[in-house]
Amino acid sequence: MDALQPYLPLIINALRVLAIIGLIHAIVTRQQVYWIVMLAFGALFGGLFGLAFAAVYTFMVLLPAARGGGRVAGRAVARGVEALKPLDLRIREAQAELDESDTLQRRADLAALQARAGRPDEAQATLQPLLSGIYADDPVVLLTSAELDLARGQAAEAEDKLRRVDLKASAATRTRTLTLLAQAQDAQGKPEADATFKDALNAATTEEPRARYAAYLARQGRRDEARALLDALDKTERKATNLYRRQEREWFQLGRELRKDLK
């Protein structure tokens, strides 16, 4: 122990840095609350117990995540740092970047932030130049704009834009487009929403279509069909990797809520 004495300040500082990194990672990937609390304690106060948790989190969560995809883990930490900024500040920074260089991605990013801030009209205005320019048929533009239309209760406008998306662009684009299209049709009371949800389920790249279709079936009074989908969703969650569970957390959570309502 005496031999370690000169290195204790360095070890403590290193563990505190790990606690900060772990806290950001835990928030971004939506880890269990006890991880977040203990990592916050270690990051803020540097207590022995909190720092010990930082070391445990590093070996149990961070390193396996890094082995499963270092770039993914790095992006998650970077997103975590960015997420700590106030939303208004992020919008101002995104606006400044757009003013510096007007690109499709920067406009889409700014529109997404404005939508998160509850400013759908501003978000739509940000996207509007793209809807009539060379990017008018770009899937990113059409999908983002359609989501904003749905949020504002403009389901017909959303459907028009979604029908312009090239479903052959990618499996992810097809999944997202058909899921949003089914929602738009459902919002208008169109019976074809059922078939569109089924199309979205075919070769889906996320759990969203299954969760949303189960919610649709429950609203239609088709409880047995909804339960069957929710049972399959629950089975998938139990067998999924930690990474996939975190990625699809929103839809697994929706499935659990729907199962409670159907009991």
C-alpha atoms as a PDB file:
ATOM      1  CA  MET A   1       0.000   0.000   0.000  1.00  0.00           C
ATOM      2  CA  ASP A   2       2.883   2.346   0.804  1.00  0.00           C
ATOM      3  CA  ALA A   3       4.275   1.769  -2.680  1.00  0.00           C
ATOM      4  CA  LEU A   4       0.991   3.000  -4.165  1.00  0.00           C
ATOM      5  CA  GLN A   5       0.824   6.115  -1.989  1.00  0.00           C
ATOM      6  CA  PRO A   6       2.556   8.451  -4.478  1.00  0.00           C
ATOM      7  CA  TYR A   7       0.214   7.300  -7.225  1.00  0.00           C
ATOM      8  CA  LEU A   8      -3.064   7.602  -5.296  1.00  0.00           C
ATOM      9  CA  PRO A   9      -3.906  11.152  -6.514  1.00  0.00           C
ATOM     10  CA  LEU A  10      -3.350  10.038 -10.118  1.00  0.00           C
ATOM     11  CA  ILE A  11      -5.464   6.901  -9.632  1.00  0.00           C
ATOM     12  CA  ILE A  12      -8.276   8.899  -8.005  1.00  0.00           C
ATOM     13  CA  ASN A  13      -8.262  11.482 -10.807  1.00  0.00           C
ATOM     14  CA  ALA A  14      -8.302   8.725 -13.434  1.00  0.00           C
ATOM     15  CA  LEU A  15     -11.265   7.050 -11.732  1.00  0.00           C
ATOM     16  CA  ARG A  16     -13.084  10.371 -11.537  1.00  0.00           C
ATOM     17  CA  VAL A  17     -12.599  10.874 -15.283  1.00  0.00           C
ATOM     18  CA  LEU A  18     -13.947   7.348 -15.822  1.00  0.00           C
ATOM     19  CA  ALA A  19     -16.929   8.235 -13.624  1.00  0.00           C
ATOM     20  CA  ILE A  20     -17.680  11.284 -15.811  1.00  0.00           C
ATOM     21  CA  ILE A  21     -17.337   9.281 -19.043  1.00  0.00           C
ATOM     22  CA  GLY A  22     -19.402   6.461 -17.568  1.00  0.00           C
ATOM     23  CA  LEU A  23     -22.107   8.900 -16.427  1.00  0.00           C
ATOM     24  CA  ILE A  24     -22.419  10.345 -19.929  1.00  0.00           C
ATOM     25  CA  HIS A  25     -22.524   6.856 -21.441  1.00  0.00           C
ATOM     26  CA  ALA A  26     -25.103   5.663 -18.890  1.00  0.00           C
ATOM     27  CA  ILE A  27     -27.399   8.617 -19.615  1.00  0.00           C
ATOM     28  CA  VAL A  28     -27.103   8.264 -23.404  1.00  0.00           C
ATOM     29  CA  THR A  29     -27.662   4.509 -23.405  1.00  0.00           C
ATOM     30  CA  ARG A  30     -30.358   4.704 -20.696  1.00  0.00           C
ATOM     31  CA  GLN A  31     -28.756   2.386 -18.181  1.00  0.00           C
ATOM     32  CA  GLN A  32     -30.381   1.418 -14.897  1.00  0.00           C
ATOM     33  CA  VAL A  33     -30.937   4.315 -12.486  1.00  0.00           C
ATOM     34  CA  TYR A  34     -28.565   2.921  -9.847  1.00  0.00           C
ATOM     35  CA  TRP A  35     -25.661   3.131 -12.324  1.00  0.00           C
ATOM     36  CA  ILE A  36     -26.442   6.776 -13.058  1.00  0.00           C
ATOM     37  CA  VAL A  37     -26.789   7.693  -9.363  1.00  0.00           C
ATOM     38  CA  MET A  38     -23.523   6.032  -8.313  1.00  0.00           C
ATOM     39  CA  LEU A  39     -21.573   7.360 -11.283  1.00  0.00           C
ATOM     40  CA  ALA A  40     -22.904  10.863 -10.593  1.00  0.00           C
ATOM     41  CA  PHE A  41     -21.781  10.502  -6.985  1.00  0.00           C
ATOM     42  CA  GLY A  42     -18.301   9.471  -8.114  1.00  0.00           C
ATOM     43  CA  ALA A  43     -18.090  12.238 -10.728  1.00  0.00           C
ATOM     44  CA  LEU A  44     -19.280  14.999  -8.386  1.00  0.00           C
ATOM     45  CA  PHE A  45     -17.782  14.015  -5.043  1.00  0.00           C
ATOM     46  CA  GLY A  46     -15.106  11.468  -5.843  1.00  0.00           C
ATOM     47  CA  GLY A  47     -16.089   9.246  -2.939  1.00  0.00           C
ATOM     48  CA  LEU A  48     -14.433   5.861  -2.656  1.00  0.00           C
ATOM     49  CA  PHE A  49     -17.710   4.001  -3.226  1.00  0.00           C
ATOM     50  CA  GLY A  50     -18.606   6.117  -6.272  1.00  0.00           C
ATOM     51  CA  LEU A  51     -15.134   5.723  -7.773  1.00  0.00           C
ATOM     52  CA  ALA A  52     -15.267   1.986  -7.210  1.00  0.00           C
ATOM     53  CA  PHE A  53     -18.538   1.963  -9.180  1.00  0.00           C
ATOM     54  CA  ALA A  54     -16.765   3.863 -11.990  1.00  0.00           C
ATOM     55  CA  ALA A  55     -14.186   1.079 -12.218  1.00  0.00           C
ATOM     56  CA  VAL A  56     -16.868  -1.613 -12.150  1.00  0.00           C
ATOM     57  CA  TYR A  57     -18.932   0.186 -14.818  1.00  0.00           C
ATOM     58  CA  THR A  58     -15.859   0.498 -17.023  1.00  0.00           C
ATOM     59  CA  PHE A  59     -15.167  -3.237 -16.966  1.00  0.00           C
ATOM     60  CA  MET A  60     -18.786  -4.430 -17.020  1.00  0.00           C
ATOM     61  CA  VAL A  61     -20.328  -1.991 -19.502  1.00  0.00           C
ATOM     62  CA  LEU A  62     -17.907   0.394 -21.235  1.00  0.00           C
ATOM     63  CA  LEU A  63     -15.263  -2.109 -22.320  1.00  0.00           C
ATOM     64  CA  PRO A  64     -17.772  -4.703 -23.628  1.00  0.00           C
ATOM     65  CA  ALA A  65     -19.527  -1.916 -25.518  1.00  0.00           C
ATOM     66  CA  ALA A  66     -16.183  -0.817 -26.964  1.00  0.00           C
ATOM     67  CA  ARG A  67     -15.369  -4.373 -28.031  1.00  0.00           C
ATOM     68  CA  GLY A  68     -18.786  -4.605 -29.674  1.00  0.00           C
ATOM     69  CA  GLY A  69     -18.104  -1.458 -31.665  1.00  0.00           C
ATOM     70  CA  GLY A  70     -15.583   1.177 -30.654  1.00  0.00           C
ATOM     71  CA  ARG A  71     -16.892   3.719 -33.076  1.00  0.00           C
ATOM     72  CA  VAL A  72     -20.442   3.268 -31.832  1.00  0.00           C
ATOM     73  CA  ALA A  73     -19.336   3.740 -28.223  1.00  0.00           C
ATOM     74  CA  GLY A  74     -17.347   6.814 -29.197  1.00  0.00           C
ATOM     75  CA  ARG A  75     -20.304   8.343 -30.958  1.00  0.00           C
ATOM     76  CA  ALA A  76     -22.509   7.573 -27.964  1.00  0.00           C
ATOM     77  CA  VAL A  77     -20.154   9.471 -25.644  1.00  0.00           C
ATOM     78  CA  ALA A  78     -19.944  12.350 -28.110  1.00  0.00           C
ATOM     79  CA  ARG A  79     -23.749  12.488 -28.309  1.00  0.00           C
ATOM     80  CA  GLY A  80     -23.858  12.412 -24.531  1.00  0.00           C
ATOM     81  CA  VAL A  81     -21.575  15.432 -24.254  1.00  0.00           C
ATOM     82  CA  GLU A  82     -23.679  17.235 -26.855  1.00  0.00           C
ATOM     83  CA  ALA A  83     -26.903  16.262 -25.049  1.00  0.00           C
ATOM     84  CA  LEU A  84     -25.712  17.979 -21.888  1.00  0.00           C
ATOM     85  CA  LYS A  85     -25.963  21.356 -23.640  1.00  0.00           C
ATOM     86  CA  PRO A  86     -29.238  23.269 -23.256  1.00  0.00           C
ATOM     87  CA  LEU A  87     -31.503  22.708 -26.244  1.00  0.00           C
ATOM     88  CA  ASP A  88     -31.679  26.434 -27.049  1.00  0.00           C
ATOM     89  CA  LEU A  89     -27.875  26.579 -27.187  1.00  0.00           C
ATOM     90  CA  ARG A  90     -27.752  23.568 -29.501  1.00  0.00           C
ATOM     91  CA  ILE A  91     -30.323  25.228 -31.775  1.00  0.00           C
ATOM     92  CA  ARG A  92     -28.246  28.420 -31.905  1.00  0.00           C
ATOM     93  CA  GLU A  93     -25.118  26.427 -32.709  1.00  0.00           C
ATOM     94  CA  ALA A  94     -26.938  24.442 -35.395  1.00  0.00           C
ATOM     95  CA  GLN A  95     -28.272  27.697 -36.870  1.00  0.00           C
ATOM     96  CA  ALA A  96     -24.746  29.163 -36.918  1.00  0.00           C
ATOM     97  CA  GLU A  97     -23.440  26.047 -38.692  1.00  0.00           C
ATOM     98  CA  LEU A  98     -26.251  26.285 -41.229  1.00  0.00           C
ATOM     99  CA  ASP A  99     -25.477  29.989 -41.835  1.00  0.00           C
ATOM    100  CA  GLU A 100     -21.846  29.026 -42.420  1.00  0.00           C
ATOM    101  CA  SER A 101     -22.658  26.202 -44.847  1.00  0.00           C
ATOM    102  CA  ASP A 102     -26.165  25.406 -46.060  1.00  0.00           C
ATOM    103  CA  THR A 103     -26.260  21.622 -46.470  1.00  0.00           C
ATOM    104  CA  LEU A 104     -29.043  19.070 -46.399  1.00  0.00           C
ATOM    105  CA  GLN A 105     -27.736  17.406 -43.239  1.00  0.00           C
ATOM    106  CA  ARG A 106     -27.365  20.689 -41.352  1.00  0.00           C
ATOM    107  CA  ARG A 107     -30.886  21.751 -42.268  1.00  0.00           C
ATOM    108  CA  ALA A 108     -32.251  18.363 -41.221  1.00  0.00           C
ATOM    109  CA  ASP A 109     -30.326  18.505 -37.926  1.00  0.00           C
ATOM    110  CA  LEU A 110     -31.591  22.011 -37.156  1.00  0.00           C
ATOM    111  CA  ALA A 111     -35.168  21.032 -38.017  1.00  0.00           C
ATOM    112  CA  ALA A 112     -34.950  18.003 -35.732  1.00  0.00           C
ATOM    113  CA  LEU A 113     -33.736  20.172 -32.830  1.00  0.00           C
ATOM    114  CA  GLN A 114     -36.498  22.725 -33.428  1.00  0.00           C
ATOM    115  CA  ALA A 115     -39.065  19.934 -33.452  1.00  0.00           C
ATOM    116  CA  ARG A 116     -37.712  18.578 -30.142  1.00  0.00           C
ATOM    117  CA  ALA A 117     -38.046  22.074 -28.681  1.00  0.00           C
ATOM    118  CA  GLY A 118     -41.755  22.098 -29.560  1.00  0.00           C
ATOM    119  CA  ARG A 119     -41.337  24.481 -32.499  1.00  0.00           C
ATOM    120  CA  PRO A 120     -42.742  22.462 -35.427  1.00  0.00           C
ATOM    121  CA  ASP A 121     -43.594  25.537 -37.514  1.00  0.00           C
ATOM    122  CA  GLU A 122     -39.979  26.721 -37.343  1.00  0.00           C
ATOM    123  CA  ALA A 123     -38.785  23.215 -38.120  1.00  0.00           C
ATOM    124  CA  GLN A 124     -41.039  23.009 -41.171  1.00  0.00           C
ATOM    125  CA  ALA A 125     -39.841  26.450 -42.317  1.00  0.00           C
ATOM    126  CA  THR A 126     -36.238  25.252 -42.002  1.00  0.00           C
ATOM    127  CA  LEU A 127     -36.991  22.261 -44.221  1.00  0.00           C
ATOM    128  CA  GLN A 128     -39.182  24.146 -46.722  1.00  0.00           C
ATOM    129  CA  PRO A 129     -36.346  25.250 -49.069  1.00  0.00           C
ATOM    130  CA  LEU A 130     -35.325  21.605 -49.418  1.00  0.00           C
ATOM    131  CA  LEU A 131     -38.857  20.534 -50.323  1.00  0.00           C
ATOM    132  CA  SER A 132     -38.813  22.650 -53.467  1.00  0.00           C
ATOM    133  CA  GLY A 133     -35.127  22.336 -54.347  1.00  0.00           C
ATOM    134  CA  ILE A 134     -32.810  19.640 -55.609  1.00  0.00           C
ATOM    135  CA  TYR A 135     -33.325  17.662 -52.398  1.00  0.00           C
ATOM    136  CA  ALA A 136     -37.123  17.642 -52.722  1.00  0.00           C
ATOM    137  CA  ASP A 137     -37.218  13.860 -53.112  1.00  0.00           C
ATOM    138  CA  ASP A 138     -34.467  13.025 -50.649  1.00  0.00           C
ATOM    139  CA  PRO A 139     -35.776  10.463 -48.103  1.00  0.00           C
ATOM    140  CA  VAL A 140     -34.284  12.372 -45.143  1.00  0.00           C
ATOM    141  CA  VAL A 141     -36.148  15.537 -46.123  1.00  0.00           C
ATOM    142  CA  LEU A 142     -39.437  13.822 -46.882  1.00  0.00           C
ATOM    143  CA  LEU A 143     -39.429  11.672 -43.738  1.00  0.00           C
ATOM    144  CA  THR A 144     -38.491  14.568 -41.431  1.00  0.00           C
ATOM    145  CA  SER A 145     -41.133  16.818 -42.958  1.00  0.00           C
ATOM    146  CA  ALA A 146     -43.787  14.085 -42.808  1.00  0.00           C
ATOM    147  CA  GLU A 147     -43.070  13.516 -39.113  1.00  0.00           C
ATOM    148  CA  LEU A 148     -43.561  17.237 -38.508  1.00  0.00           C
ATOM    149  CA  ASP A 149     -46.835  17.146 -40.437  1.00  0.00           C
ATOM    150  CA  LEU A 150     -48.072  14.281 -38.249  1.00  0.00           C
ATOM    151  CA  ALA A 151     -47.057  16.161 -35.096  1.00  0.00           C
ATOM    152  CA  ARG A 152     -49.166  19.112 -36.271  1.00  0.00           C
ATOM    153  CA  GLY A 153     -52.160  16.928 -37.131  1.00  0.00           C
ATOM    154  CA  GLN A 154     -51.676  17.279 -40.880  1.00  0.00           C
ATOM    155  CA  ALA A 155     -51.952  13.610 -41.732  1.00  0.00           C
ATOM    156  CA  ALA A 156     -52.981  14.090 -45.375  1.00  0.00           C
ATOM    157  CA  GLU A 157     -49.945  16.266 -46.090  1.00  0.00           C
ATOM    158  CA  ALA A 158     -47.741  13.689 -44.386  1.00  0.00           C
ATOM    159  CA  GLU A 159     -49.191  10.907 -46.541  1.00  0.00           C
ATOM    160  CA  ASP A 160     -48.532  12.871 -49.738  1.00  0.00           C
ATOM    161  CA  LYS A 161     -44.857  13.278 -48.839  1.00  0.00           C
ATOM    162  CA  LEU A 162     -44.425   9.698 -47.704  1.00  0.00           C
ATOM    163  CA  ARG A 163     -45.751   8.397 -51.005  1.00  0.00           C
ATOM    164  CA  ARG A 164     -42.888  10.233 -52.723  1.00  0.00           C
ATOM    165  CA  VAL A 165     -40.212   8.352 -50.761  1.00  0.00           C
ATOM    166  CA  ASP A 166     -38.287   5.736 -52.730  1.00  0.00           C
ATOM    167  CA  LEU A 167     -38.859   2.547 -50.736  1.00  0.00           C
ATOM    168  CA  LYS A 168     -35.916   0.908 -52.495  1.00  0.00           C
ATOM    169  CA  ALA A 169     -33.434   3.386 -51.001  1.00  0.00           C
ATOM    170  CA  SER A 170     -32.716   1.117 -48.021  1.00  0.00           C
ATOM    171  CA  ALA A 171     -34.426  -1.327 -45.673  1.00  0.00           C
ATOM    172  CA  ALA A 172     -34.327   1.284 -42.887  1.00  0.00           C
ATOM    173  CA  THR A 173     -35.953   3.894 -45.133  1.00  0.00           C
ATOM    174  CA  ARG A 174     -38.644   1.421 -46.171  1.00  0.00           C
ATOM    175  CA  THR A 175     -39.385   0.504 -42.533  1.00  0.00           C
ATOM    176  CA  ARG A 176     -39.625   4.116 -41.379  1.00  0.00           C
ATOM    177  CA  THR A 177     -41.639   5.272 -44.376  1.00  0.00           C
ATOM    178  CA  LEU A 178     -44.261   2.533 -44.178  1.00  0.00           C
ATOM    179  CA  THR A 179     -44.599   2.945 -40.402  1.00  0.00           C
ATOM    180  CA  LEU A 180     -45.224   6.674 -40.745  1.00  0.00           C
ATOM    181  CA  LEU A 181     -47.545   6.082 -43.705  1.00  0.00           C
ATOM    182  CA  ALA A 182     -49.633   3.647 -41.665  1.00  0.00           C
ATOM    183  CA  GLN A 183     -49.858   6.235 -38.873  1.00  0.00           C
ATOM    184  CA  ALA A 184     -50.929   8.913 -41.344  1.00  0.00           C
ATOM    185  CA  GLN A 185     -53.612   6.640 -42.799  1.00  0.00           C
ATOM    186  CA  ASP A 186     -54.798   5.657 -39.333  1.00  0.00           C
ATOM    187  CA  ALA A 187     -55.069   9.326 -38.345  1.00  0.00           C
ATOM    188  CA  GLN A 188     -57.362   9.844 -41.346  1.00  0.00           C
ATOM    189  CA  GLY A 189     -59.444   6.766 -40.519  1.00  0.00           C
ATOM    190  CA  LYS A 190     -58.381   4.955 -43.671  1.00  0.00           C
ATOM    191  CA  PRO A 191     -58.871   1.155 -43.572  1.00  0.00           C
ATOM    192  CA  GLU A 192     -55.698   0.567 -45.625  1.00  0.00           C
ATOM    193  CA  ALA A 193     -53.659   1.469 -42.535  1.00  0.00           C
ATOM    194  CA  ASP A 194     -53.894  -2.187 -41.490  1.00  0.00           C
ATOM    195  CA  ALA A 195     -52.268  -3.460 -44.696  1.00  0.00           C
ATOM    196  CA  THR A 196     -49.605  -0.753 -44.543  1.00  0.00           C
ATOM    197  CA  PHE A 197     -48.678  -1.741 -40.993  1.00  0.00           C
ATOM    198  CA  LYS A 198     -48.313  -5.343 -42.199  1.00  0.00           C
ATOM    199  CA  ASP A 199     -46.068  -4.184 -45.047  1.00  0.00           C
ATOM    200  CA  ALA A 200     -43.950  -2.270 -42.525  1.00  0.00           C
ATOM    201  CA  LEU A 201     -43.545  -5.439 -40.464  1.00  0.00           C
ATOM    202  CA  ASN A 202     -42.072  -7.345 -43.401  1.00  0.00           C
ATOM    203  CA  ALA A 203     -38.261  -7.209 -43.105  1.00  0.00           C
ATOM    204  CA  ALA A 204     -38.525  -4.400 -40.534  1.00  0.00           C
ATOM    205  CA  THR A 205     -35.195  -3.041 -39.274  1.00  0.00           C
ATOM    206  CA  THR A 206     -36.597  -1.857 -35.925  1.00  0.00           C
ATOM    207  CA  GLU A 207     -39.271  -2.879 -33.417  1.00  0.00           C
ATOM    208  CA  GLU A 208     -41.300   0.282 -34.015  1.00  0.00           C
ATOM    209  CA  PRO A 209     -43.696  -1.198 -36.621  1.00  0.00           C
ATOM    210  CA  ARG A 210     -44.582  -4.115 -34.352  1.00  0.00           C
ATOM    211  CA  ALA A 211     -45.175  -1.904 -31.320  1.00  0.00           C
ATOM    212  CA  ARG A 212     -47.209   0.651 -33.253  1.00  0.00           C
ATOM    213  CA  TYR A 213     -49.242  -2.026 -35.046  1.00  0.00           C
ATOM    214  CA  ALA A 214     -50.043  -3.632 -31.685  1.00  0.00           C
ATOM    215  CA  ALA A 215     -51.263  -0.243 -30.439  1.00  0.00           C
ATOM    216  CA  TYR A 216     -53.381   0.113 -33.594  1.00  0.00           C
ATOM    217  CA  LEU A 217     -54.913  -3.354 -33.130  1.00  0.00           C
ATOM    218  CA  ALA A 218     -55.709  -2.606 -29.494  1.00  0.00           C
ATOM    219  CA  ARG A 219     -57.524   0.589 -30.502  1.00  0.00           C
ATOM    220  CA  GLN A 220     -59.472  -1.399 -33.088  1.00  0.00           C
ATOM    221  CA  GLY A 221     -60.613  -3.837 -30.394  1.00  0.00           C
ATOM    222  CA  ARG A 222     -58.555  -6.698 -31.873  1.00  0.00           C
ATOM    223  CA  ARG A 223     -57.064  -7.579 -28.515  1.00  0.00           C
ATOM    224  CA  ASP A 224     -56.010 -11.170 -29.244  1.00  0.00           C
ATOM    225  CA  GLU A 225     -54.027 -10.099 -32.307  1.00  0.00           C
ATOM    226  CA  ALA A 226     -52.447  -7.285 -30.314  1.00  0.00           C
ATOM    227  CA  ARG A 227     -51.449  -9.697 -27.526  1.00  0.00           C
ATOM    228  CA  ALA A 228     -49.818 -12.058 -30.031  1.00  0.00           C
ATOM    229  CA  LEU A 229     -47.666  -9.236 -31.380  1.00  0.00           C
ATOM    230  CA  LEU A 230     -46.801  -8.037 -27.891  1.00  0.00           C
ATOM    231  CA  ASP A 231     -45.825 -11.542 -26.793  1.00  0.00           C
ATOM    232  CA  ALA A 232     -43.474 -11.757 -29.778  1.00  0.00           C
ATOM    233  CA  LEU A 233     -42.060  -8.336 -28.900  1.00  0.00           C
ATOM    234  CA  ASP A 234     -41.487  -9.437 -25.303  1.00  0.00           C
ATOM    235  CA  LYS A 235     -39.728 -12.592 -26.494  1.00  0.00           C
ATOM    236  CA  THR A 236     -37.456 -10.517 -28.710  1.00  0.00           C
ATOM    237  CA  GLU A 237     -36.592  -8.197 -25.821  1.00  0.00           C
ATOM    238  CA  ARG A 238     -35.692 -11.093 -23.529  1.00  0.00           C
ATOM    239  CA  LYS A 239     -33.376 -12.611 -26.128  1.00  0.00           C
ATOM    240  CA  ALA A 240     -31.889  -9.332 -27.393  1.00  0.00           C
ATOM    241  CA  THR A 241     -28.355  -8.119 -26.741  1.00  0.00           C
ATOM    242  CA  ASN A 242     -27.889  -5.182 -24.381  1.00  0.00           C
ATOM    243  CA  LEU A 243     -27.035  -2.954 -27.335  1.00  0.00           C
ATOM    244  CA  TYR A 244     -30.213  -3.832 -29.252  1.00  0.00           C
ATOM    245  CA  ARG A 245     -32.281  -3.510 -26.072  1.00  0.00           C
ATOM    246  CA  ARG A 246     -30.997   0.025 -25.560  1.00  0.00           C
ATOM    247  CA  GLN A 247     -31.463   0.871 -29.234  1.00  0.00           C
ATOM    248  CA  GLU A 248     -35.115  -0.270 -29.228  1.00  0.00           C
ATOM    249  CA  ARG A 249     -35.872   0.756 -25.643  1.00  0.00           C
ATOM    250  CA  GLU A 250     -38.705   3.109 -26.625  1.00  0.00           C
ATOM    251  CA  TRP A 251     -40.607   0.372 -28.462  1.00  0.00           C
ATOM    252  CA  PHE A 252     -39.991  -2.332 -25.863  1.00  0.00           C
ATOM    253  CA  GLN A 253     -41.306   0.095 -23.246  1.00  0.00           C
ATOM    254  CA  LEU A 254     -44.381   0.848 -25.360  1.00  0.00           C
ATOM    255  CA  GLY A 255     -44.971  -2.902 -25.637  1.00  0.00           C
ATOM    256  CA  ARG A 256     -44.857  -3.324 -21.848  1.00  0.00           C
ATOM    257  CA  GLU A 257     -47.326  -0.477 -21.380  1.00  0.00           C
ATOM    258  CA  LEU A 258     -49.700  -1.965 -23.931  1.00  0.00           C
ATOM    259  CA  ARG A 259     -49.545  -5.387 -22.268  1.00  0.00           C
ATOM    260  CA  LYS A 260     -50.577  -3.798 -18.968  1.00  0.00           C
ATOM    261  CA  ASP A 261     -53.533  -2.097 -20.631  1.00  0.00           C
ATOM    262  CA  LEU A 262     -54.660  -5.348 -22.260  1.00  0.00           C
ATOM    263  CA  LYS A 263     -54.719  -7.358 -19.019  1.00  0.00           C
END
